[in-house]
């Protein structure tokens, strides 16, 4: 399956490492998805300061990384808005080790929750379904990737993909119920002034 992100996970990690960014590709994509799902407009110029604060300790990103982040914001916003479940998460490939994939999955989920919380600070404004989705995503961040499991590789992989699919569905639910609602309100408010 080709990556909709223009760069593979490993290419993203290399670019971030070369630019001395202190975050993983999973964290970058998780934060972007969380912000968009909470109603932040898909405007890279608006998102870059938030991304720099949370992912790079306030330090500016290199021009090359900024351009890739802008493309990632646009790609992610399009995938989320398609409503056809084509949204995919920027994570290591299936060929990477399970611990590496689990670690990235947890990082993605943590960053998603941070991004969502940056914009939606009052969860009383969101539906019970969204609050439940956020609770379930919080549970994912508690997965201990270093526990030894006697299950077979196939069973462990299957469990990983089930959790991954659940995360994807929860993120889409947040975007559908909150991101689109609040994003449209912000756009409507801008045109009234």
N, C-alpha and C. Protein backbone atom coordinates (compact mmCIF):
# COMPACT_ATOMS: atom_id res chain seq x y z
N UNK A 1 0.85 -1.18 0.00
CA UNK A 1 0.00 0.00 0.00
C UNK A 1 0.89 1.24 0.00
N UNK A 2 0.65 2.14 -0.89
CA UNK A 2 1.45 3.35 -0.95
C UNK A 2 0.99 4.33 0.12
N UNK A 3 1.91 5.13 0.57
CA UNK A 3 1.62 6.09 1.64
C UNK A 3 0.96 7.33 1.07
N UNK A 4 -0.16 7.76 1.67
CA UNK A 4 -0.78 9.01 1.22
C UNK A 4 -0.03 10.23 1.72
N UNK A 5 1.03 10.03 2.51
CA UNK A 5 1.73 11.13 3.16
C UNK A 5 2.93 11.64 2.37
N UNK A 6 3.13 11.21 1.15
CA UNK A 6 4.23 11.59 0.29
C UNK A 6 5.56 11.02 0.78
N UNK A 7 5.79 11.02 2.06
CA UNK A 7 6.99 10.42 2.63
C UNK A 7 6.58 9.21 3.47
N UNK A 8 7.43 8.20 3.51
CA UNK A 8 7.17 7.06 4.39
C UNK A 8 7.48 7.48 5.83
N UNK A 9 7.12 6.63 6.77
CA UNK A 9 7.41 6.91 8.17
C UNK A 9 8.91 7.07 8.38
N UNK A 10 9.69 6.16 7.79
CA UNK A 10 11.14 6.24 7.95
C UNK A 10 11.71 7.52 7.33
N UNK A 11 11.17 7.92 6.19
CA UNK A 11 11.63 9.18 5.58
C UNK A 11 11.27 10.37 6.46
N UNK A 12 10.09 10.33 7.04
CA UNK A 12 9.69 11.39 7.98
C UNK A 12 10.66 11.43 9.16
N UNK A 13 10.96 10.26 9.73
CA UNK A 13 11.86 10.21 10.89
C UNK A 13 13.24 10.76 10.52
N UNK A 14 13.72 10.43 9.34
CA UNK A 14 15.02 10.94 8.89
C UNK A 14 14.98 12.46 8.77
N UNK A 15 13.94 13.01 8.14
CA UNK A 15 13.82 14.47 7.97
C UNK A 15 13.76 15.16 9.33
N UNK A 16 12.96 14.62 10.24
CA UNK A 16 12.83 15.22 11.57
C UNK A 16 14.16 15.14 12.33
N UNK A 17 14.83 14.01 12.22
CA UNK A 17 16.11 13.84 12.89
C UNK A 17 17.15 14.81 12.34
N UNK A 18 17.20 14.94 11.04
CA UNK A 18 18.15 15.86 10.39
C UNK A 18 17.90 17.31 10.79
N UNK A 19 16.64 17.63 11.07
CA UNK A 19 16.28 19.00 11.46
C UNK A 19 16.32 19.19 12.98
N UNK A 20 16.77 18.16 13.70
CA UNK A 20 16.87 18.19 15.16
C UNK A 20 15.51 18.42 15.84
N UNK A 21 14.46 17.90 15.23
CA UNK A 21 13.13 17.97 15.83
C UNK A 21 13.05 16.88 16.87
N UNK A 22 12.54 17.23 18.04
CA UNK A 22 12.53 16.30 19.17
C UNK A 22 11.30 15.41 19.22
N UNK A 23 10.59 15.27 18.12
CA UNK A 23 9.37 14.47 18.10
C UNK A 23 9.45 13.43 17.00
N UNK A 24 8.67 12.39 17.16
CA UNK A 24 8.60 11.35 16.12
C UNK A 24 7.57 11.75 15.07
N UNK A 25 7.62 11.06 13.96
CA UNK A 25 6.64 11.29 12.89
C UNK A 25 5.23 10.97 13.39
N UNK A 26 5.12 9.94 14.24
CA UNK A 26 3.82 9.58 14.80
C UNK A 26 3.26 10.74 15.64
N UNK A 27 4.12 11.37 16.42
CA UNK A 27 3.67 12.49 17.25
C UNK A 27 3.26 13.68 16.40
N UNK A 28 4.00 13.96 15.35
CA UNK A 28 3.66 15.07 14.46
C UNK A 28 2.27 14.84 13.87
N UNK A 29 2.04 13.65 13.32
CA UNK A 29 0.76 13.36 12.68
C UNK A 29 -0.37 13.28 13.71
N UNK A 30 -0.10 12.68 14.86
CA UNK A 30 -1.12 12.60 15.91
C UNK A 30 -1.56 13.98 16.37
N UNK A 31 -0.61 14.88 16.57
CA UNK A 31 -0.94 16.24 17.00
C UNK A 31 -1.75 16.97 15.94
N UNK A 32 -1.34 16.86 14.69
CA UNK A 32 -2.08 17.50 13.60
C UNK A 32 -3.51 16.96 13.55
N UNK A 33 -3.65 15.65 13.63
CA UNK A 33 -4.98 15.03 13.57
C UNK A 33 -5.83 15.45 14.75
N UNK A 34 -5.23 15.53 15.93
CA UNK A 34 -5.97 15.97 17.12
C UNK A 34 -6.45 17.40 16.99
N UNK A 35 -5.59 18.27 16.50
CA UNK A 35 -5.98 19.68 16.30
C UNK A 35 -7.11 19.80 15.29
N UNK A 36 -6.99 19.11 14.16
CA UNK A 36 -8.03 19.16 13.14
C UNK A 36 -9.34 18.55 13.66
N UNK A 37 -9.22 17.49 14.43
CA UNK A 37 -10.41 16.82 14.97
C UNK A 37 -11.12 17.67 16.02
N UNK A 38 -10.41 18.62 16.58
CA UNK A 38 -10.99 19.49 17.59
C UNK A 38 -11.53 20.79 17.00
N UNK A 39 -11.39 20.95 15.68
CA UNK A 39 -11.97 22.12 15.03
C UNK A 39 -11.01 23.19 14.58
N UNK A 40 -9.70 22.94 14.69
CA UNK A 40 -8.74 23.91 14.18
C UNK A 40 -8.77 23.87 12.66
N UNK A 41 -8.75 25.03 12.05
CA UNK A 41 -8.76 25.13 10.60
C UNK A 41 -7.48 24.49 10.03
N UNK A 42 -7.61 23.83 8.89
CA UNK A 42 -6.47 23.16 8.25
C UNK A 42 -5.58 24.17 7.54
N UNK A 43 -5.06 25.11 8.31
CA UNK A 43 -4.20 26.16 7.78
C UNK A 43 -2.80 25.95 8.36
N UNK A 44 -1.84 25.50 7.53
CA UNK A 44 -0.50 25.24 8.06
C UNK A 44 0.11 26.43 8.80
N UNK A 45 -0.14 27.64 8.33
CA UNK A 45 0.43 28.81 9.00
C UNK A 45 -0.13 28.98 10.41
N UNK A 46 -1.38 28.58 10.60
CA UNK A 46 -2.00 28.66 11.92
C UNK A 46 -1.52 27.52 12.81
N UNK A 47 -1.26 26.37 12.22
CA UNK A 47 -0.86 25.20 12.99
C UNK A 47 0.62 25.16 13.34
N UNK A 48 1.47 25.77 12.50
CA UNK A 48 2.91 25.68 12.72
C UNK A 48 3.37 26.18 14.10
N UNK A 49 2.88 27.32 14.60
CA UNK A 49 3.33 27.74 15.93
C UNK A 49 2.97 26.73 17.03
N UNK A 50 1.78 26.13 16.93
CA UNK A 50 1.37 25.13 17.92
C UNK A 50 2.27 23.90 17.81
N UNK A 51 2.52 23.47 16.58
CA UNK A 51 3.37 22.30 16.37
C UNK A 51 4.79 22.57 16.89
N UNK A 52 5.31 23.75 16.62
CA UNK A 52 6.65 24.08 17.09
C UNK A 52 6.71 24.10 18.61
N UNK A 53 5.67 24.63 19.25
CA UNK A 53 5.65 24.66 20.71
C UNK A 53 5.66 23.26 21.31
N UNK A 54 4.78 22.41 20.80
CA UNK A 54 4.62 21.09 21.40
C UNK A 54 5.64 20.06 20.93
N UNK A 55 6.12 20.19 19.71
CA UNK A 55 6.97 19.15 19.16
C UNK A 55 8.45 19.53 19.10
N UNK A 56 8.74 20.82 19.17
CA UNK A 56 10.13 21.24 19.00
C UNK A 56 10.53 22.28 20.04
N UNK A 57 9.89 22.23 21.18
CA UNK A 57 10.24 23.10 22.31
C UNK A 57 10.26 24.57 21.92
N UNK A 58 9.32 24.95 21.03
CA UNK A 58 9.20 26.34 20.62
C UNK A 58 10.16 26.78 19.54
N UNK A 59 11.08 25.90 19.15
CA UNK A 59 12.06 26.24 18.12
C UNK A 59 11.43 26.15 16.74
N UNK A 60 11.81 27.07 15.87
CA UNK A 60 11.27 27.07 14.51
C UNK A 60 11.72 25.82 13.78
N UNK A 61 10.86 25.34 12.91
CA UNK A 61 11.19 24.19 12.07
C UNK A 61 11.93 24.67 10.83
N UNK A 62 12.75 23.81 10.28
CA UNK A 62 13.46 24.17 9.05
C UNK A 62 12.45 24.37 7.92
N UNK A 63 12.84 25.09 6.89
CA UNK A 63 11.95 25.36 5.77
C UNK A 63 11.49 24.06 5.11
N UNK A 64 12.41 23.11 4.99
CA UNK A 64 12.08 21.82 4.39
C UNK A 64 11.01 21.09 5.21
N UNK A 65 11.21 21.04 6.52
CA UNK A 65 10.25 20.36 7.40
C UNK A 65 8.92 21.11 7.39
N UNK A 66 8.96 22.44 7.40
CA UNK A 66 7.71 23.22 7.34
C UNK A 66 6.90 22.86 6.11
N UNK A 67 7.57 22.72 4.96
CA UNK A 67 6.86 22.38 3.72
C UNK A 67 6.24 20.99 3.81
N UNK A 68 6.97 20.05 4.37
CA UNK A 68 6.44 18.70 4.53
C UNK A 68 5.27 18.69 5.53
N UNK A 69 5.39 19.47 6.59
CA UNK A 69 4.30 19.56 7.57
C UNK A 69 3.06 20.17 6.91
N UNK A 70 3.26 21.21 6.10
CA UNK A 70 2.12 21.83 5.40
C UNK A 70 1.43 20.81 4.51
N UNK A 71 2.20 20.00 3.80
CA UNK A 71 1.62 18.95 2.96
C UNK A 71 0.89 17.92 3.81
N UNK A 72 1.46 17.59 4.98
CA UNK A 72 0.84 16.62 5.87
C UNK A 72 -0.48 17.15 6.42
N UNK A 73 -0.53 18.43 6.76
CA UNK A 73 -1.77 19.05 7.24
C UNK A 73 -2.84 18.95 6.16
N UNK A 74 -2.49 19.31 4.94
CA UNK A 74 -3.47 19.27 3.84
C UNK A 74 -3.94 17.85 3.56
N UNK A 75 -3.02 16.91 3.50
CA UNK A 75 -3.37 15.51 3.24
C UNK A 75 -4.27 14.96 4.34
N UNK A 76 -3.91 15.24 5.59
CA UNK A 76 -4.69 14.74 6.72
C UNK A 76 -6.08 15.33 6.72
N UNK A 77 -6.20 16.63 6.48
CA UNK A 77 -7.51 17.28 6.45
C UNK A 77 -8.38 16.69 5.35
N UNK A 78 -7.80 16.44 4.18
CA UNK A 78 -8.58 15.84 3.08
C UNK A 78 -9.05 14.45 3.44
N UNK A 79 -8.16 13.64 4.01
CA UNK A 79 -8.53 12.27 4.38
C UNK A 79 -9.63 12.26 5.44
N UNK A 80 -9.51 13.12 6.44
CA UNK A 80 -10.52 13.17 7.49
C UNK A 80 -11.87 13.59 6.92
N UNK A 81 -11.87 14.54 6.02
CA UNK A 81 -13.12 15.10 5.49
C UNK A 81 -13.80 14.19 4.48
N UNK A 82 -13.12 13.18 3.97
CA UNK A 82 -13.72 12.33 2.95
C UNK A 82 -14.86 11.47 3.46
N UNK A 83 -14.91 11.22 4.75
CA UNK A 83 -15.98 10.41 5.34
C UNK A 83 -16.13 9.04 4.69
N UNK A 84 -15.06 8.51 4.14
CA UNK A 84 -15.14 7.18 3.53
C UNK A 84 -14.19 6.19 4.23
N UNK A 85 -13.75 6.55 5.42
CA UNK A 85 -12.86 5.72 6.23
C UNK A 85 -11.51 5.46 5.58
N UNK A 86 -11.10 6.33 4.66
CA UNK A 86 -9.79 6.17 4.02
C UNK A 86 -8.68 6.78 4.86
N UNK A 87 -9.04 7.46 5.94
CA UNK A 87 -8.04 8.09 6.81
C UNK A 87 -7.04 7.05 7.30
N UNK A 88 -5.76 7.37 7.18
CA UNK A 88 -4.73 6.48 7.70
C UNK A 88 -3.79 7.26 8.60
N UNK A 89 -3.14 6.52 9.48
CA UNK A 89 -2.25 7.12 10.47
C UNK A 89 -0.81 6.95 10.02
N UNK A 90 0.01 7.96 10.26
CA UNK A 90 1.42 7.91 9.90
C UNK A 90 2.17 7.13 10.98
N UNK A 91 2.42 5.86 10.68
CA UNK A 91 3.05 4.94 11.62
C UNK A 91 4.09 4.10 10.89
N UNK A 92 4.96 3.40 11.64
CA UNK A 92 5.93 2.51 10.99
C UNK A 92 5.23 1.46 10.13
N UNK A 93 5.96 0.93 9.18
CA UNK A 93 5.38 -0.06 8.28
C UNK A 93 5.14 -1.38 9.01
N UNK A 94 4.34 -2.22 8.39
CA UNK A 94 4.03 -3.53 8.98
C UNK A 94 5.27 -4.41 9.08
N UNK A 95 6.34 -4.06 8.37
CA UNK A 95 7.58 -4.84 8.41
C UNK A 95 8.42 -4.52 9.64
N UNK A 96 8.14 -3.40 10.29
CA UNK A 96 8.90 -3.04 11.49
C UNK A 96 8.47 -3.93 12.66
N UNK A 97 9.30 -3.96 13.69
CA UNK A 97 9.00 -4.82 14.83
C UNK A 97 7.73 -4.36 15.54
N UNK A 98 7.05 -5.32 16.16
CA UNK A 98 5.82 -5.00 16.87
C UNK A 98 6.06 -3.98 17.99
N UNK A 99 7.12 -4.11 18.81
CA UNK A 99 7.35 -3.08 19.84
C UNK A 99 7.52 -1.68 19.25
N UNK A 100 8.20 -1.58 18.11
CA UNK A 100 8.38 -0.28 17.47
C UNK A 100 7.04 0.28 16.99
N UNK A 101 6.21 -0.58 16.42
CA UNK A 101 4.89 -0.15 15.95
C UNK A 101 3.99 0.24 17.11
N UNK A 102 4.05 -0.54 18.20
CA UNK A 102 3.25 -0.22 19.39
C UNK A 102 3.67 1.11 20.00
N UNK A 103 4.96 1.31 20.10
CA UNK A 103 5.49 2.56 20.66
C UNK A 103 4.99 3.75 19.85
N UNK A 104 5.08 3.65 18.53
CA UNK A 104 4.62 4.74 17.67
C UNK A 104 3.11 4.93 17.78
N UNK A 105 2.36 3.85 17.90
CA UNK A 105 0.91 3.93 18.04
C UNK A 105 0.54 4.69 19.33
N UNK A 106 1.23 4.38 20.41
CA UNK A 106 0.97 5.06 21.69
C UNK A 106 1.37 6.53 21.57
N UNK A 107 2.51 6.82 20.95
CA UNK A 107 2.93 8.22 20.75
C UNK A 107 1.89 8.98 19.91
N UNK A 108 1.41 8.36 18.85
CA UNK A 108 0.41 8.99 17.98
C UNK A 108 -0.84 9.34 18.80
N UNK A 109 -1.29 8.37 19.60
CA UNK A 109 -2.51 8.56 20.38
C UNK A 109 -2.32 9.65 21.44
N UNK A 110 -1.19 9.65 22.12
CA UNK A 110 -0.92 10.69 23.11
C UNK A 110 -0.92 12.08 22.46
N UNK A 111 -0.27 12.18 21.30
CA UNK A 111 -0.20 13.46 20.60
C UNK A 111 -1.58 13.88 20.10
N UNK A 112 -2.40 12.93 19.66
CA UNK A 112 -3.76 13.23 19.24
C UNK A 112 -4.53 13.86 20.40
N UNK A 113 -4.44 13.24 21.57
CA UNK A 113 -5.16 13.74 22.74
C UNK A 113 -4.69 15.14 23.13
N UNK A 114 -3.39 15.39 23.03
CA UNK A 114 -2.85 16.72 23.32
C UNK A 114 -3.42 17.73 22.33
N UNK A 115 -3.36 17.39 21.05
CA UNK A 115 -3.88 18.29 20.02
C UNK A 115 -5.35 18.59 20.21
N UNK A 116 -6.12 17.57 20.55
CA UNK A 116 -7.55 17.77 20.77
C UNK A 116 -7.78 18.69 21.98
N UNK A 117 -7.02 18.46 23.04
CA UNK A 117 -7.19 19.24 24.28
C UNK A 117 -6.76 20.69 24.12
N UNK A 118 -5.82 20.95 23.21
CA UNK A 118 -5.39 22.33 22.98
C UNK A 118 -6.57 23.19 22.53
N UNK A 119 -7.40 22.63 21.67
CA UNK A 119 -8.52 23.38 21.10
C UNK A 119 -9.80 23.22 21.92
N UNK A 120 -10.09 22.01 22.36
CA UNK A 120 -11.33 21.72 23.07
C UNK A 120 -11.04 21.55 24.56
N UNK A 121 -10.99 22.66 25.26
CA UNK A 121 -10.64 22.61 26.67
C UNK A 121 -11.85 22.29 27.56
N UNK A 122 -13.05 22.48 27.04
CA UNK A 122 -14.27 22.22 27.81
C UNK A 122 -15.00 21.04 27.19
N UNK A 123 -14.80 19.86 27.76
CA UNK A 123 -15.41 18.67 27.19
C UNK A 123 -16.91 18.58 27.44
N UNK A 124 -17.46 19.51 28.22
CA UNK A 124 -18.91 19.52 28.38
C UNK A 124 -19.60 19.98 27.10
N UNK A 125 -18.82 20.57 26.18
CA UNK A 125 -19.37 21.03 24.90
C UNK A 125 -19.47 19.92 23.86
N UNK A 126 -18.86 18.78 24.14
CA UNK A 126 -18.87 17.69 23.17
C UNK A 126 -19.83 16.60 23.63
N UNK A 127 -20.22 15.75 22.69
CA UNK A 127 -21.19 14.70 22.99
C UNK A 127 -20.60 13.62 23.89
N UNK A 128 -21.49 12.83 24.47
CA UNK A 128 -21.06 11.70 25.29
C UNK A 128 -20.22 10.73 24.46
N UNK A 129 -20.58 10.56 23.18
CA UNK A 129 -19.83 9.66 22.30
C UNK A 129 -18.38 10.13 22.15
N UNK A 130 -18.19 11.42 22.00
CA UNK A 130 -16.83 11.95 21.85
C UNK A 130 -16.07 11.80 23.16
N UNK A 131 -16.71 12.08 24.28
CA UNK A 131 -16.04 11.90 25.58
C UNK A 131 -15.64 10.43 25.77
N UNK A 132 -16.51 9.52 25.36
CA UNK A 132 -16.20 8.09 25.47
C UNK A 132 -15.03 7.72 24.54
N UNK A 133 -15.03 8.28 23.33
CA UNK A 133 -13.93 8.02 22.39
C UNK A 133 -12.61 8.52 22.99
N UNK A 134 -12.63 9.70 23.60
CA UNK A 134 -11.42 10.25 24.21
C UNK A 134 -10.96 9.39 25.39
N UNK A 135 -11.92 8.87 26.17
CA UNK A 135 -11.57 7.97 27.27
C UNK A 135 -10.92 6.70 26.74
N UNK A 136 -11.48 6.16 25.66
CA UNK A 136 -10.91 4.94 25.08
C UNK A 136 -9.51 5.20 24.51
N UNK A 137 -9.33 6.36 23.90
CA UNK A 137 -8.01 6.71 23.39
C UNK A 137 -7.02 6.87 24.55
N UNK A 138 -7.49 7.41 25.66
CA UNK A 138 -6.62 7.54 26.84
C UNK A 138 -6.18 6.17 27.33
N UNK A 139 -7.08 5.19 27.26
CA UNK A 139 -6.74 3.82 27.66
C UNK A 139 -5.61 3.26 26.79
N UNK A 140 -5.64 3.59 25.51
CA UNK A 140 -4.59 3.11 24.60
C UNK A 140 -3.23 3.60 25.04
N UNK A 141 -3.16 4.81 25.57
CA UNK A 141 -1.87 5.37 25.96
C UNK A 141 -1.27 4.64 27.16
N UNK A 142 -2.07 3.82 27.79
CA UNK A 142 -1.59 3.06 28.95
C UNK A 142 -1.07 1.68 28.58
N UNK A 143 -1.08 1.34 27.31
CA UNK A 143 -0.58 0.04 26.88
C UNK A 143 0.89 -0.08 27.24
N UNK A 144 1.23 -1.16 27.90
CA UNK A 144 2.63 -1.40 28.24
C UNK A 144 3.25 -2.22 27.11
N UNK A 145 4.07 -1.57 26.32
CA UNK A 145 4.63 -2.25 25.15
C UNK A 145 5.78 -3.17 25.52
N UNK A 146 6.21 -3.14 26.76
CA UNK A 146 7.37 -3.94 27.16
C UNK A 146 6.99 -5.20 27.92
N UNK A 147 5.69 -5.49 28.03
CA UNK A 147 5.29 -6.72 28.71
C UNK A 147 5.56 -7.90 27.80
N UNK A 148 5.93 -9.00 28.40
CA UNK A 148 6.14 -10.19 27.59
C UNK A 148 4.80 -10.89 27.44
N UNK A 149 4.53 -11.31 26.23
CA UNK A 149 3.25 -11.94 25.92
C UNK A 149 3.55 -13.31 25.34
N UNK A 150 2.83 -14.29 25.82
CA UNK A 150 3.05 -15.64 25.32
C UNK A 150 2.30 -15.91 24.02
N UNK A 151 1.54 -14.95 23.54
CA UNK A 151 0.78 -15.14 22.31
C UNK A 151 1.69 -15.27 21.10
N UNK A 152 1.14 -15.85 20.07
CA UNK A 152 1.91 -16.01 18.84
C UNK A 152 2.09 -14.65 18.15
N UNK A 153 3.03 -14.60 17.23
CA UNK A 153 3.26 -13.38 16.46
C UNK A 153 1.99 -12.98 15.73
N UNK A 154 1.30 -13.98 15.17
CA UNK A 154 0.07 -13.69 14.43
C UNK A 154 -1.01 -13.11 15.35
N UNK A 155 -1.14 -13.69 16.55
CA UNK A 155 -2.14 -13.18 17.51
C UNK A 155 -1.80 -11.76 17.93
N UNK A 156 -0.52 -11.50 18.20
CA UNK A 156 -0.09 -10.16 18.62
C UNK A 156 -0.31 -9.15 17.50
N UNK A 157 0.03 -9.54 16.28
CA UNK A 157 -0.19 -8.65 15.14
C UNK A 157 -1.68 -8.36 14.95
N UNK A 158 -2.49 -9.40 15.09
CA UNK A 158 -3.93 -9.22 14.94
C UNK A 158 -4.47 -8.26 16.00
N UNK A 159 -4.01 -8.42 17.24
CA UNK A 159 -4.44 -7.52 18.31
C UNK A 159 -4.00 -6.09 18.02
N UNK A 160 -2.77 -5.93 17.53
CA UNK A 160 -2.26 -4.60 17.18
C UNK A 160 -3.17 -3.95 16.13
N UNK A 161 -3.49 -4.69 15.08
CA UNK A 161 -4.31 -4.12 14.00
C UNK A 161 -5.73 -3.81 14.47
N UNK A 162 -6.26 -4.60 15.40
CA UNK A 162 -7.59 -4.31 15.96
C UNK A 162 -7.57 -3.01 16.75
N UNK A 163 -6.55 -2.83 17.58
CA UNK A 163 -6.43 -1.60 18.36
C UNK A 163 -6.21 -0.41 17.43
N UNK A 164 -5.37 -0.60 16.42
CA UNK A 164 -5.09 0.46 15.45
C UNK A 164 -6.38 0.90 14.75
N UNK A 165 -7.18 -0.06 14.34
CA UNK A 165 -8.44 0.26 13.67
C UNK A 165 -9.38 1.00 14.62
N UNK A 166 -9.38 0.58 15.88
CA UNK A 166 -10.23 1.25 16.87
C UNK A 166 -9.80 2.70 17.06
N UNK A 167 -8.50 2.95 17.12
CA UNK A 167 -7.98 4.31 17.26
C UNK A 167 -8.43 5.16 16.06
N UNK A 168 -8.28 4.58 14.88
CA UNK A 168 -8.65 5.28 13.64
C UNK A 168 -10.13 5.67 13.66
N UNK A 169 -10.98 4.75 14.07
CA UNK A 169 -12.42 5.00 14.11
C UNK A 169 -12.73 6.07 15.17
N UNK A 170 -12.07 6.02 16.31
CA UNK A 170 -12.30 7.02 17.37
C UNK A 170 -11.86 8.41 16.90
N UNK A 171 -10.73 8.48 16.21
CA UNK A 171 -10.25 9.77 15.69
C UNK A 171 -11.23 10.31 14.65
N UNK A 172 -11.73 9.46 13.78
CA UNK A 172 -12.71 9.89 12.78
C UNK A 172 -14.00 10.36 13.45
N UNK A 173 -14.42 9.68 14.51
CA UNK A 173 -15.62 10.08 15.23
C UNK A 173 -15.44 11.47 15.84
N UNK A 174 -14.27 11.72 16.41
CA UNK A 174 -13.99 13.05 16.99
C UNK A 174 -14.02 14.11 15.90
N UNK A 175 -13.41 13.82 14.76
CA UNK A 175 -13.40 14.79 13.67
C UNK A 175 -14.82 15.05 13.16
N UNK A 176 -15.58 13.99 12.97
CA UNK A 176 -16.92 14.12 12.42
C UNK A 176 -17.83 14.92 13.35
N UNK A 177 -17.76 14.62 14.66
CA UNK A 177 -18.66 15.27 15.60
C UNK A 177 -18.17 16.63 16.10
N UNK A 178 -16.87 16.82 16.16
CA UNK A 178 -16.34 18.06 16.72
C UNK A 178 -15.61 18.89 15.66
N UNK A 179 -14.66 18.27 14.98
CA UNK A 179 -13.83 18.99 14.02
C UNK A 179 -14.64 19.68 12.94
N UNK A 180 -15.58 18.96 12.37
CA UNK A 180 -16.39 19.56 11.32
C UNK A 180 -17.35 20.61 11.88
N UNK A 181 -17.92 20.32 13.03
CA UNK A 181 -18.88 21.26 13.65
C UNK A 181 -18.21 22.57 14.04
N UNK A 182 -17.12 22.47 14.80
CA UNK A 182 -16.45 23.69 15.28
C UNK A 182 -15.66 24.35 14.17
N UNK A 183 -15.12 23.56 13.26
CA UNK A 183 -14.39 24.13 12.12
C UNK A 183 -15.30 24.98 11.25
N UNK A 184 -16.53 24.49 11.01
CA UNK A 184 -17.49 25.24 10.20
C UNK A 184 -17.96 26.49 10.93
N UNK A 185 -18.13 26.39 12.25
CA UNK A 185 -18.54 27.57 13.02
C UNK A 185 -17.47 28.65 12.95
N UNK A 186 -16.21 28.25 13.05
CA UNK A 186 -15.12 29.23 13.00
C UNK A 186 -15.08 29.88 11.63
N UNK A 187 -15.29 29.09 10.58
CA UNK A 187 -15.28 29.64 9.23
C UNK A 187 -16.47 30.60 9.04
N UNK A 188 -17.63 30.24 9.57
CA UNK A 188 -18.81 31.09 9.46
C UNK A 188 -18.60 32.39 10.23
N UNK A 189 -18.00 32.29 11.41
CA UNK A 189 -17.74 33.48 12.21
C UNK A 189 -16.77 34.44 11.52
N UNK A 190 -15.80 33.89 10.80
CA UNK A 190 -14.83 34.74 10.11
C UNK A 190 -15.48 35.52 8.99
N UNK A 191 -16.45 34.92 8.31
CA UNK A 191 -17.07 35.60 7.19
C UNK A 191 -18.08 36.66 7.65
N UNK A 192 -18.51 36.60 8.87
CA UNK A 192 -19.49 37.58 9.37
C UNK A 192 -18.84 38.92 9.69
N UNK A 193 -17.57 38.93 9.97
CA UNK A 193 -16.90 40.16 10.41
C UNK A 193 -16.56 41.05 9.26
